[in-house]
C-alpha atoms as a PDB file:
ATOM      1  CA  UNK A   1      17.909  32.652   1.893  1.00  0.00           C
ATOM      2  CA  UNK A   2      21.033  33.278  -0.510  1.00  0.00           C
ATOM      3  CA  UNK A   3      21.117  32.624  -4.206  1.00  0.00           C
ATOM      4  CA  UNK A   4      22.743  29.530  -3.886  1.00  0.00           C
ATOM      5  CA  UNK A   5      20.458  28.472  -1.631  1.00  0.00           C
ATOM      6  CA  UNK A   6      17.719  28.932  -3.268  1.00  0.00           C
ATOM      7  CA  UNK A   7      19.029  27.228  -6.377  1.00  0.00           C
ATOM      8  CA  UNK A   8      19.884  24.386  -4.238  1.00  0.00           C
ATOM      9  CA  UNK A   9      16.456  24.645  -2.874  1.00  0.00           C
ATOM     10  CA  UNK A  10      14.791  24.446  -6.604  1.00  0.00           C
ATOM     11  CA  UNK A  11      16.927  21.583  -7.335  1.00  0.00           C
ATOM     12  CA  UNK A  12      15.992  19.273  -4.552  1.00  0.00           C
ATOM     13  CA  UNK A  13      11.901  19.648  -5.293  1.00  0.00           C
ATOM     14  CA  UNK A  14      13.055  19.313  -9.342  1.00  0.00           C
ATOM     15  CA  UNK A  15      14.730  15.888  -8.170  1.00  0.00           C
ATOM     16  CA  UNK A  16      11.077  15.016  -6.100  1.00  0.00           C
ATOM     17  CA  UNK A  17       9.290  16.073  -9.382  1.00  0.00           C
ATOM     18  CA  UNK A  18      11.133  13.473 -11.332  1.00  0.00           C
ATOM     19  CA  UNK A  19       8.903  10.618 -11.321  1.00  0.00           C
ATOM     20  CA  UNK A  20       6.061  12.677 -10.974  1.00  0.00           C
ATOM     21  CA  UNK A  21       6.922  14.644 -14.266  1.00  0.00           C
ATOM     22  CA  UNK A  22       7.479  10.837 -15.926  1.00  0.00           C
ATOM     23  CA  UNK A  23       4.076  10.021 -14.865  1.00  0.00           C
ATOM     24  CA  UNK A  24       2.310  12.817 -16.110  1.00  0.00           C
ATOM     25  CA  UNK A  25       4.459  13.196 -19.544  1.00  0.00           C
ATOM     26  CA  UNK A  26       2.893   9.584 -20.470  1.00  0.00           C
ATOM     27  CA  UNK A  27      -0.710  10.676 -20.117  1.00  0.00           C
ATOM     28  CA  UNK A  28       0.325  12.579 -23.311  1.00  0.00           C
ATOM     29  CA  UNK A  29      -1.054  11.497 -26.745  1.00  0.00           C
ATOM     30  CA  UNK A  30       2.745   9.768 -27.539  1.00  0.00           C
ATOM     31  CA  UNK A  31       2.758  11.293 -31.188  1.00  0.00           C
ATOM     32  CA  UNK A  32       2.323  14.752 -29.528  1.00  0.00           C
ATOM     33  CA  UNK A  33       5.745  16.505 -30.403  1.00  0.00           C
ATOM     34  CA  UNK A  34       4.954  20.082 -29.829  1.00  0.00           C
ATOM     35  CA  UNK A  35       4.575  21.830 -26.585  1.00  0.00           C
ATOM     36  CA  UNK A  36       1.034  22.192 -24.663  1.00  0.00           C
ATOM     37  CA  UNK A  37       1.533  25.741 -24.779  1.00  0.00           C
ATOM     38  CA  UNK A  38       3.114  28.045 -27.734  1.00  0.00           C
ATOM     39  CA  UNK A  39       2.922  24.223 -30.031  1.00  0.00           C
ATOM     40  CA  UNK A  40       6.372  24.703 -31.095  1.00  0.00           C
ATOM     41  CA  UNK A  41       7.876  21.268 -32.019  1.00  0.00           C
ATOM     42  CA  UNK A  42       9.679  19.423 -29.604  1.00  0.00           C
ATOM     43  CA  UNK A  43      12.602  17.052 -30.778  1.00  0.00           C
ATOM     44  CA  UNK A  44      14.626  14.611 -28.424  1.00  0.00           C
ATOM     45  CA  UNK A  45      13.829  13.265 -25.005  1.00  0.00           C
ATOM     46  CA  UNK A  46       9.861  13.861 -23.415  1.00  0.00           C
ATOM     47  CA  UNK A  47       9.422  17.106 -22.545  1.00  0.00           C
ATOM     48  CA  UNK A  48       9.196  17.872 -18.945  1.00  0.00           C
ATOM     49  CA  UNK A  49       5.429  18.572 -18.414  1.00  0.00           C
ATOM     50  CA  UNK A  50       4.911  18.303 -22.412  1.00  0.00           C
ATOM     51  CA  UNK A  51       6.197  22.010 -22.394  1.00  0.00           C
ATOM     52  CA  UNK A  52       9.285  23.184 -24.765  1.00  0.00           C
ATOM     53  CA  UNK A  53      12.008  24.080 -22.261  1.00  0.00           C
ATOM     54  CA  UNK A  54      11.156  27.687 -23.458  1.00  0.00           C
ATOM     55  CA  UNK A  55       7.693  27.988 -22.053  1.00  0.00           C
ATOM     56  CA  UNK A  56       9.046  25.216 -18.621  1.00  0.00           C
ATOM     57  CA  UNK A  57      11.810  28.161 -17.809  1.00  0.00           C
ATOM     58  CA  UNK A  58       9.496  31.165 -17.773  1.00  0.00           C
ATOM     59  CA  UNK A  59       7.376  29.268 -14.974  1.00  0.00           C
ATOM     60  CA  UNK A  60       7.530  31.148 -11.824  1.00  0.00           C
ATOM     61  CA  UNK A  61       8.015  28.570  -9.276  1.00  0.00           C
ATOM     62  CA  UNK A  62       7.767  29.441  -5.670  1.00  0.00           C
ATOM     63  CA  UNK A  63      10.860  28.494  -4.026  1.00  0.00           C
ATOM     64  CA  UNK A  64      11.150  31.132  -1.374  1.00  0.00           C
ATOM     65  CA  UNK A  65       9.003  31.442   1.723  1.00  0.00           C
ATOM     66  CA  UNK A  66       8.704  34.263   3.516  1.00  0.00           C
ATOM     67  CA  UNK A  67       5.246  33.681   5.281  1.00  0.00           C
ATOM     68  CA  UNK A  68       4.844  30.660   7.245  1.00  0.00           C
ATOM     69  CA  UNK A  69       1.422  30.599   7.399  1.00  0.00           C
ATOM     70  CA  UNK A  70       0.543  30.995   3.194  1.00  0.00           C
ATOM     71  CA  UNK A  71       3.452  30.348   1.850  1.00  0.00           C
ATOM     72  CA  UNK A  72       4.073  34.138   0.104  1.00  0.00           C
ATOM     73  CA  UNK A  73       7.526  34.841  -1.225  1.00  0.00           C
ATOM     74  CA  UNK A  74       7.321  38.052   0.355  1.00  0.00           C
ATOM     75  CA  UNK A  75       5.570  39.708   3.644  1.00  0.00           C
ATOM     76  CA  UNK A  76       2.181  39.040   4.078  1.00  0.00           C
ATOM     77  CA  UNK A  77      -0.272  41.343   5.430  1.00  0.00           C
ATOM     78  CA  UNK A  78      -3.642  39.841   4.938  1.00  0.00           C
ATOM     79  CA  UNK A  79      -2.258  36.368   7.537  1.00  0.00           C
ATOM     80  CA  UNK A  80      -0.745  39.614  10.060  1.00  0.00           C
ATOM     81  CA  UNK A  81      -4.389  40.982  10.375  1.00  0.00           C
ATOM     82  CA  UNK A  82      -6.446  38.081   9.809  1.00  0.00           C
ATOM     83  CA  UNK A  83      -8.558  37.844  13.469  1.00  0.00           C
ATOM     84  CA  UNK A  84      -9.150  33.889  13.074  1.00  0.00           C
ATOM     85  CA  UNK A  85      -7.483  31.347  11.074  1.00  0.00           C
ATOM     86  CA  UNK A  86      -9.392  28.088  10.933  1.00  0.00           C
ATOM     87  CA  UNK A  87      -6.593  26.379   8.341  1.00  0.00           C
ATOM     88  CA  UNK A  88      -2.829  25.785   9.644  1.00  0.00           C
ATOM     89  CA  UNK A  89      -1.160  26.723   6.713  1.00  0.00           C
ATOM     90  CA  UNK A  90      -1.296  26.911   2.878  1.00  0.00           C
ATOM     91  CA  UNK A  91       0.873  26.584  -0.066  1.00  0.00           C
ATOM     92  CA  UNK A  92       1.219  26.976  -3.644  1.00  0.00           C
ATOM     93  CA  UNK A  93       3.333  26.408  -6.640  1.00  0.00           C
ATOM     94  CA  UNK A  94       3.924  29.473  -8.585  1.00  0.00           C
ATOM     95  CA  UNK A  95       3.621  33.482  -8.793  1.00  0.00           C
ATOM     96  CA  UNK A  96       0.581  34.594 -10.269  1.00  0.00           C
ATOM     97  CA  UNK A  97       1.791  36.664 -12.717  1.00  0.00           C
ATOM     98  CA  UNK A  98       0.709  38.084 -16.536  1.00  0.00           C
ATOM     99  CA  UNK A  99       2.218  34.467 -17.871  1.00  0.00           C
ATOM    100  CA  UNK A 100       0.270  32.553 -15.638  1.00  0.00           C
ATOM    101  CA  UNK A 101      -2.721  34.425 -16.024  1.00  0.00           C
ATOM    102  CA  UNK A 102      -2.793  33.825 -19.287  1.00  0.00           C
ATOM    103  CA  UNK A 103      -2.157  30.272 -19.023  1.00  0.00           C
ATOM    104  CA  UNK A 104      -4.720  29.572 -16.611  1.00  0.00           C
ATOM    105  CA  UNK A 105      -6.942  31.407 -18.731  1.00  0.00           C
ATOM    106  CA  UNK A 106      -6.155  28.879 -21.658  1.00  0.00           C
ATOM    107  CA  UNK A 107      -7.588  25.796 -19.114  1.00  0.00           C
ATOM    108  CA  UNK A 108      -9.883  27.826 -17.460  1.00  0.00           C
ATOM    109  CA  UNK A 109     -12.053  29.815 -19.795  1.00  0.00           C
ATOM    110  CA  UNK A 110     -11.072  28.667 -23.349  1.00  0.00           C
ATOM    111  CA  UNK A 111     -12.019  24.911 -22.948  1.00  0.00           C
ATOM    112  CA  UNK A 112      -8.524  23.681 -23.263  1.00  0.00           C
ATOM    113  CA  UNK A 113      -8.609  20.830 -20.493  1.00  0.00           C
ATOM    114  CA  UNK A 114      -5.847  18.761 -22.088  1.00  0.00           C
ATOM    115  CA  UNK A 115      -3.754  21.271 -19.932  1.00  0.00           C
ATOM    116  CA  UNK A 116      -5.038  19.639 -16.929  1.00  0.00           C
ATOM    117  CA  UNK A 117      -1.743  17.475 -16.797  1.00  0.00           C
ATOM    118  CA  UNK A 118       0.294  20.506 -16.581  1.00  0.00           C
ATOM    119  CA  UNK A 119      -1.405  22.033 -13.921  1.00  0.00           C
ATOM    120  CA  UNK A 120      -1.448  19.209 -12.054  1.00  0.00           C
ATOM    121  CA  UNK A 121       2.072  18.750 -12.499  1.00  0.00           C
ATOM    122  CA  UNK A 122       2.885  22.250 -11.341  1.00  0.00           C
ATOM    123  CA  UNK A 123       0.671  21.661  -8.532  1.00  0.00           C
ATOM    124  CA  UNK A 124       2.379  18.985  -7.189  1.00  0.00           C
ATOM    125  CA  UNK A 125       5.270  21.375  -6.551  1.00  0.00           C
ATOM    126  CA  UNK A 126       2.918  23.115  -3.839  1.00  0.00           C
ATOM    127  CA  UNK A 127       2.315  19.971  -2.739  1.00  0.00           C
ATOM    128  CA  UNK A 128       6.111  18.862  -1.696  1.00  0.00           C
ATOM    129  CA  UNK A 129       6.104  22.441  -0.136  1.00  0.00           C
ATOM    130  CA  UNK A 130       2.955  21.217   1.951  1.00  0.00           C
ATOM    131  CA  UNK A 131       4.579  18.234   2.758  1.00  0.00           C
ATOM    132  CA  UNK A 132       7.772  19.601   4.162  1.00  0.00           C
ATOM    133  CA  UNK A 133       6.275  22.242   6.202  1.00  0.00           C
ATOM    134  CA  UNK A 134       6.917  21.657  10.273  1.00  0.00           C
ATOM    135  CA  UNK A 135       3.868  19.670  10.888  1.00  0.00           C
ATOM    136  CA  UNK A 136       4.009  17.224   8.470  1.00  0.00           C
ATOM    137  CA  UNK A 137       7.025  15.649   8.465  1.00  0.00           C
ATOM    138  CA  UNK A 138       6.701  13.844   5.041  1.00  0.00           C
ATOM    139  CA  UNK A 139       3.069  12.387   6.192  1.00  0.00           C
ATOM    140  CA  UNK A 140       0.607  12.038   3.526  1.00  0.00           C
ATOM    141  CA  UNK A 141      -2.674  13.834   4.333  1.00  0.00           C
ATOM    142  CA  UNK A 142      -5.843  11.479   4.992  1.00  0.00           C
ATOM    143  CA  UNK A 143      -7.837  12.659   1.864  1.00  0.00           C
ATOM    144  CA  UNK A 144      -8.119  15.841  -0.689  1.00  0.00           C
ATOM    145  CA  UNK A 145     -10.734  18.111  -0.936  1.00  0.00           C
ATOM    146  CA  UNK A 146     -11.630  21.186  -3.111  1.00  0.00           C
ATOM    147  CA  UNK A 147     -13.325  24.421  -3.306  1.00  0.00           C
ATOM    148  CA  UNK A 148     -16.713  24.081  -4.748  1.00  0.00           C
ATOM    149  CA  UNK A 149     -18.281  26.244  -7.493  1.00  0.00           C
ATOM    150  CA  UNK A 150     -21.702  27.379  -7.947  1.00  0.00           C
ATOM    151  CA  UNK A 151     -23.980  25.820 -10.621  1.00  0.00           C
ATOM    152  CA  UNK A 152     -23.845  29.015 -12.506  1.00  0.00           C
ATOM    153  CA  UNK A 153     -20.243  28.933 -12.885  1.00  0.00           C
ATOM    154  CA  UNK A 154     -20.078  25.154 -13.615  1.00  0.00           C
ATOM    155  CA  UNK A 155     -22.479  25.727 -16.157  1.00  0.00           C
ATOM    156  CA  UNK A 156     -20.665  28.059 -17.778  1.00  0.00           C
ATOM    157  CA  UNK A 157     -17.207  26.203 -17.634  1.00  0.00           C
ATOM    158  CA  UNK A 158     -18.452  22.439 -17.842  1.00  0.00           C
ATOM    159  CA  UNK A 159     -16.460  21.738 -15.050  1.00  0.00           C
ATOM    160  CA  UNK A 160     -14.813  22.798 -11.624  1.00  0.00           C
ATOM    161  CA  UNK A 161     -10.788  23.289 -11.865  1.00  0.00           C
ATOM    162  CA  UNK A 162      -9.931  22.606  -8.475  1.00  0.00           C
ATOM    163  CA  UNK A 163     -11.843  19.595  -8.544  1.00  0.00           C
ATOM    164  CA  UNK A 164      -9.976  18.317 -11.356  1.00  0.00           C
ATOM    165  CA  UNK A 165      -6.969  19.761  -9.970  1.00  0.00           C
ATOM    166  CA  UNK A 166      -7.460  17.757  -6.564  1.00  0.00           C
ATOM    167  CA  UNK A 167      -8.394  14.265  -8.571  1.00  0.00           C
ATOM    168  CA  UNK A 168      -5.257  14.847 -10.794  1.00  0.00           C
ATOM    169  CA  UNK A 169      -2.981  14.789  -7.128  1.00  0.00           C
ATOM    170  CA  UNK A 170      -5.278  12.391  -6.007  1.00  0.00           C
ATOM    171  CA  UNK A 171      -4.487   9.870  -8.413  1.00  0.00           C
ATOM    172  CA  UNK A 172      -0.977  10.569  -8.751  1.00  0.00           C
ATOM    173  CA  UNK A 173      -0.608  10.645  -4.633  1.00  0.00           C
ATOM    174  CA  UNK A 174      -3.043   7.482  -3.786  1.00  0.00           C
ATOM    175  CA  UNK A 175      -5.102   9.922  -1.733  1.00  0.00           C
ATOM    176  CA  UNK A 176      -8.816   9.446  -1.665  1.00  0.00           C
ATOM    177  CA  UNK A 177     -10.548  12.797  -3.264  1.00  0.00           C
ATOM    178  CA  UNK A 178     -13.851  13.779  -1.182  1.00  0.00           C
ATOM    179  CA  UNK A 179     -16.061  16.520  -1.750  1.00  0.00           C
ATOM    180  CA  UNK A 180     -16.861  17.854   1.272  1.00  0.00           C
ATOM    181  CA  UNK A 181     -18.435  21.576   0.459  1.00  0.00           C
ATOM    182  CA  UNK A 182     -21.426  22.903  -1.396  1.00  0.00           C
ATOM    183  CA  UNK A 183     -21.620  26.330  -2.334  1.00  0.00           C
ATOM    184  CA  UNK A 184     -24.855  27.818  -1.841  1.00  0.00           C
ATOM    185  CA  UNK A 185     -24.888  31.219  -2.894  1.00  0.00           C
ATOM    186  CA  UNK A 186     -22.532  32.802  -5.850  1.00  0.00           C
ATOM    187  CA  UNK A 187     -20.574  35.497  -4.263  1.00  0.00           C
ATOM    188  CA  UNK A 188     -19.232  36.486  -8.202  1.00  0.00           C
ATOM    189  CA  UNK A 189     -15.472  37.142  -8.350  1.00  0.00           C
ATOM    190  CA  UNK A 190     -13.500  37.933  -5.258  1.00  0.00           C
ATOM    191  CA  UNK A 191     -10.140  39.864  -6.906  1.00  0.00           C
ATOM    192  CA  UNK A 192     -12.360  42.852  -7.342  1.00  0.00           C
ATOM    193  CA  UNK A 193     -13.258  43.238  -3.837  1.00  0.00           C
ATOM    194  CA  UNK A 194     -11.490  45.011  -1.024  1.00  0.00           C
ATOM    195  CA  UNK A 195     -10.869  42.336   2.030  1.00  0.00           C
ATOM    196  CA  UNK A 196     -14.063  43.626   4.077  1.00  0.00           C
ATOM    197  CA  UNK A 197     -16.597  42.718   0.775  1.00  0.00           C
ATOM    198  CA  UNK A 198     -15.189  39.552   0.688  1.00  0.00           C
ATOM    199  CA  UNK A 199     -15.281  38.437   4.108  1.00  0.00           C
ATOM    200  CA  UNK A 200     -18.854  39.442   4.471  1.00  0.00           C
ATOM    201  CA  UNK A 201     -19.484  38.100   1.133  1.00  0.00           C
ATOM    202  CA  UNK A 202     -18.265  34.742   1.816  1.00  0.00           C
ATOM    203  CA  UNK A 203     -20.230  34.111   5.208  1.00  0.00           C
ATOM    204  CA  UNK A 204     -22.405  31.833   4.702  1.00  0.00           C
ATOM    205  CA  UNK A 205     -21.487  31.273   0.900  1.00  0.00           C
ATOM    206  CA  UNK A 206     -20.492  27.508   1.748  1.00  0.00           C
ATOM    207  CA  UNK A 207     -22.189  24.324   2.928  1.00  0.00           C
ATOM    208  CA  UNK A 208     -21.383  20.482   3.897  1.00  0.00           C
ATOM    209  CA  UNK A 209     -22.103  17.696   1.954  1.00  0.00           C
ATOM    210  CA  UNK A 210     -24.026  15.985   4.632  1.00  0.00           C
ATOM    211  CA  UNK A 211     -23.226  12.286   3.716  1.00  0.00           C
ATOM    212  CA  UNK A 212     -19.747  12.579   3.095  1.00  0.00           C
ATOM    213  CA  UNK A 213     -19.424  14.219   6.223  1.00  0.00           C
ATOM    214  CA  UNK A 214     -21.577  11.704   8.114  1.00  0.00           C
ATOM    215  CA  UNK A 215     -19.329   9.055   6.732  1.00  0.00           C
ATOM    216  CA  UNK A 216     -16.302  10.342   8.003  1.00  0.00           C
ATOM    217  CA  UNK A 217     -17.928  10.706  11.134  1.00  0.00           C
ATOM    218  CA  UNK A 218     -18.585   7.200  11.632  1.00  0.00           C
ATOM    219  CA  UNK A 219     -15.545   5.894  10.160  1.00  0.00           C
ATOM    220  CA  UNK A 220     -12.881   7.836  11.503  1.00  0.00           C
ATOM    221  CA  UNK A 221     -11.800   7.779  15.214  1.00  0.00           C
ATOM    222  CA  UNK A 222      -8.579   9.212  17.077  1.00  0.00           C
ATOM    223  CA  UNK A 223      -6.540  12.160  15.651  1.00  0.00           C
ATOM    224  CA  UNK A 224      -7.901  15.089  13.452  1.00  0.00           C
ATOM    225  CA  UNK A 225      -8.373  14.287   9.850  1.00  0.00           C
ATOM    226  CA  UNK A 226      -5.419  15.991   7.782  1.00  0.00           C
ATOM    227  CA  UNK A 227      -7.471  17.715   5.019  1.00  0.00           C
ATOM    228  CA  UNK A 228      -5.801  18.997   1.920  1.00  0.00           C
ATOM    229  CA  UNK A 229      -7.867  21.584   0.453  1.00  0.00           C
ATOM    230  CA  UNK A 230      -7.553  22.410  -3.364  1.00  0.00           C
ATOM    231  CA  UNK A 231      -7.728  25.458  -5.678  1.00  0.00           C
ATOM    232  CA  UNK A 232      -6.648  26.879  -8.159  1.00  0.00           C
ATOM    233  CA  UNK A 233      -5.791  30.564  -6.593  1.00  0.00           C
ATOM    234  CA  UNK A 234      -4.616  31.907  -3.305  1.00  0.00           C
ATOM    235  CA  UNK A 235      -5.556  35.887  -2.965  1.00  0.00           C
ATOM    236  CA  UNK A 236      -6.238  36.807   0.570  1.00  0.00           C
ATOM    237  CA  UNK A 237      -6.701  33.183   1.962  1.00  0.00           C
ATOM    238  CA  UNK A 238     -10.687  34.509   2.753  1.00  0.00           C
ATOM    239  CA  UNK A 239     -12.408  31.698   0.554  1.00  0.00           C
ATOM    240  CA  UNK A 240      -9.936  28.976   1.946  1.00  0.00           C
ATOM    241  CA  UNK A 241     -10.359  30.105   5.651  1.00  0.00           C
ATOM    242  CA  UNK A 242     -14.540  30.439   5.161  1.00  0.00           C
ATOM    243  CA  UNK A 243     -14.047  27.009   3.939  1.00  0.00           C
ATOM    244  CA  UNK A 244     -12.570  25.855   6.725  1.00  0.00           C
ATOM    245  CA  UNK A 245     -14.573  27.161   8.986  1.00  0.00           C
ATOM    246  CA  UNK A 246     -17.103  25.042   7.689  1.00  0.00           C
ATOM    247  CA  UNK A 247     -15.739  22.018   7.686  1.00  0.00           C
ATOM    248  CA  UNK A 248     -13.963  22.779  11.059  1.00  0.00           C
ATOM    249  CA  UNK A 249     -17.437  22.963  12.450  1.00  0.00           C
ATOM    250  CA  UNK A 250     -18.436  19.550  11.232  1.00  0.00           C
ATOM    251  CA  UNK A 251     -15.336  17.464  11.648  1.00  0.00           C
ATOM    252  CA  UNK A 252     -12.384  17.020  13.828  1.00  0.00           C
ATOM    253  CA  UNK A 253     -10.057  17.997  11.548  1.00  0.00           C
ATOM    254  CA  UNK A 254      -6.864  20.343  10.156  1.00  0.00           C
ATOM    255  CA  UNK A 255      -7.457  22.075   6.881  1.00  0.00           C
ATOM    256  CA  UNK A 256      -4.451  22.989   4.412  1.00  0.00           C
ATOM    257  CA  UNK A 257      -4.890  25.076   1.796  1.00  0.00           C
ATOM    258  CA  UNK A 258      -2.837  24.333  -1.656  1.00  0.00           C
ATOM    259  CA  UNK A 259      -3.031  26.291  -4.335  1.00  0.00           C
ATOM    260  CA  UNK A 260      -1.734  26.390  -8.220  1.00  0.00           C
ATOM    261  CA  UNK A 261      -0.757  30.079  -7.887  1.00  0.00           C
ATOM    262  CA  UNK A 262      -0.721  32.671  -5.361  1.00  0.00           C
END
């Protein structure tokens, strides 16, 4: 894809995000006229996602996709060597660079949950890319779910960021959000582990929310359920693949990953 095509693609999804961003901006307090990230004063029109133009302009949106499986912006060796994929494909909104790492830390570790509309609005870009993938034809999913955290992490943070993102998206696109999974074993930070360590560590780490699965089985007949599984970060896809395997073992489902960053 050349530079002009990339700019055209970025313009297209920005147009599609317009109404979503306007709705997200209305969630912000009307008296707030400063950037939610850098707190610089904002004049004039309501800012996109509650950010000043400087901060908004630094967001590393993923617009060029090289790997059709995981949506990576460059060649992906993780997908090539994966022995079996239980998810259909995955898309992410932004590249996980140092700036995005800092922003996520504000929300995830420093208790600034007021930033949820910012991250939720950014996630919508990845969602729009998912709907544009070849198998969707613009159709909406049957439901949205999320990667669970264990009780220790939940107690430390007070919330599950993946669940918050999923519920924010569900409200905006009017799709049900259903908790399908429980994390039954603490696995630690996956980003510091080798691929082999991740695969071994994640085996048996997730189980089903049996009541939710039972209700879906009873109420759904026909074609497989289209399920979007939300997480904050996609690293190698090991967590997504393991979660998808557990879901598909119990339900007739097609699982699609959606992450804020990768």
